């Protein structure tokens, strides 16, 4: 089963920095998915609490690349219809 969200936000919290061994510090990026409670169909919908995950800069770059790839593919599909 899939859960669908209305919004996604990204934040950088300076307190989410860690240093793996002797390597350079890693600043994590928080990704927060939320539901928008302003919709009129509130009686027919189950609201979910925010879902939060953190990504390293490398993971965020990989995810961003995947999103760009999917966006391009979606545009191509739309152009064929």
Protein backbone atom coordinates (compact mmCIF):
# COMPACT_ATOMS: atom_id res chain seq x y z
CA UNK A 1 0.00 0.00 0.00
CA UNK A 2 1.22 3.49 -0.78
CA UNK A 3 0.75 6.61 1.30
CA UNK A 4 0.34 9.83 -0.64
CA UNK A 5 1.39 13.21 0.74
CA UNK A 6 0.50 16.75 -0.26
CA UNK A 7 3.80 18.48 0.37
CA UNK A 8 7.50 17.93 0.65
CA UNK A 9 9.99 20.27 2.28
CA UNK A 10 13.73 20.14 2.81
CA UNK A 11 15.63 21.72 5.67
CA UNK A 12 19.22 21.93 6.85
CA UNK A 13 19.60 21.84 10.63
CA UNK A 14 23.09 22.91 11.78
CA UNK A 15 22.77 20.46 14.68
CA UNK A 16 22.61 17.50 12.26
CA UNK A 17 26.34 17.52 11.54
CA UNK A 18 28.48 14.50 12.28
CA UNK A 19 32.05 13.52 11.57
CA UNK A 20 32.68 9.92 10.38
CA UNK A 21 36.05 9.03 11.89
CA UNK A 22 38.79 11.33 10.64
CA UNK A 23 36.83 12.36 7.51
CA UNK A 24 35.30 15.76 6.82
CA UNK A 25 32.06 16.69 8.64
CA UNK A 26 28.76 15.64 7.05
CA UNK A 27 25.79 18.01 7.17
CA UNK A 28 22.57 16.02 6.81
CA UNK A 29 19.52 17.29 4.92
CA UNK A 30 16.05 16.68 6.41
CA UNK A 31 13.27 15.74 3.99
CA UNK A 32 9.80 16.23 5.48
CA UNK A 33 6.62 14.98 3.78
CA UNK A 34 3.33 16.39 5.08
CA UNK A 35 -0.42 16.34 4.50
CA UNK A 36 -2.27 19.59 3.81
CA UNK A 37 -5.27 19.79 6.14
CA UNK A 38 -6.87 22.63 4.15
CA UNK A 39 -8.57 20.40 1.58
CA UNK A 40 -12.38 20.23 1.50
CA UNK A 41 -12.45 16.41 1.45
CA UNK A 42 -11.24 16.13 5.05
CA UNK A 43 -14.09 13.77 6.03
CA UNK A 44 -13.11 11.16 3.44
CA UNK A 45 -9.41 11.22 4.08
CA UNK A 46 -7.11 9.72 6.68
CA UNK A 47 -4.47 12.29 7.69
CA UNK A 48 -0.98 11.05 8.29
CA UNK A 49 1.62 12.54 10.61
CA UNK A 50 4.69 14.07 8.97
CA UNK A 51 7.22 11.58 7.62
CA UNK A 52 10.83 12.66 8.05
CA UNK A 53 14.09 11.22 6.78
CA UNK A 54 17.61 12.57 6.58
CA UNK A 55 19.96 12.33 3.63
CA UNK A 56 23.67 12.91 3.34
CA UNK A 57 24.73 15.37 0.62
CA UNK A 58 25.72 12.43 -1.63
CA UNK A 59 22.33 10.74 -1.11
CA UNK A 60 20.54 14.04 -1.78
CA UNK A 61 22.43 14.48 -5.07
CA UNK A 62 21.56 10.93 -6.15
CA UNK A 63 17.89 11.47 -5.26
CA UNK A 64 17.81 14.81 -7.09
CA UNK A 65 19.28 13.15 -10.19
CA UNK A 66 16.60 10.45 -10.06
CA UNK A 67 13.87 13.10 -9.75
CA UNK A 68 15.25 14.96 -12.77
CA UNK A 69 15.36 11.72 -14.76
CA UNK A 70 11.73 10.95 -13.87
CA UNK A 71 10.66 14.52 -14.69
CA UNK A 72 12.20 14.24 -18.15
CA UNK A 73 10.56 10.85 -18.73
CA UNK A 74 7.17 12.20 -17.60
CA UNK A 75 7.47 15.14 -20.02
CA UNK A 76 8.24 12.74 -22.87
CA UNK A 77 5.23 10.57 -22.02
CA UNK A 78 3.01 13.66 -21.85
CA UNK A 79 4.23 14.84 -25.25
CA UNK A 80 3.20 11.52 -26.82
CA UNK A 81 -0.39 11.69 -25.56
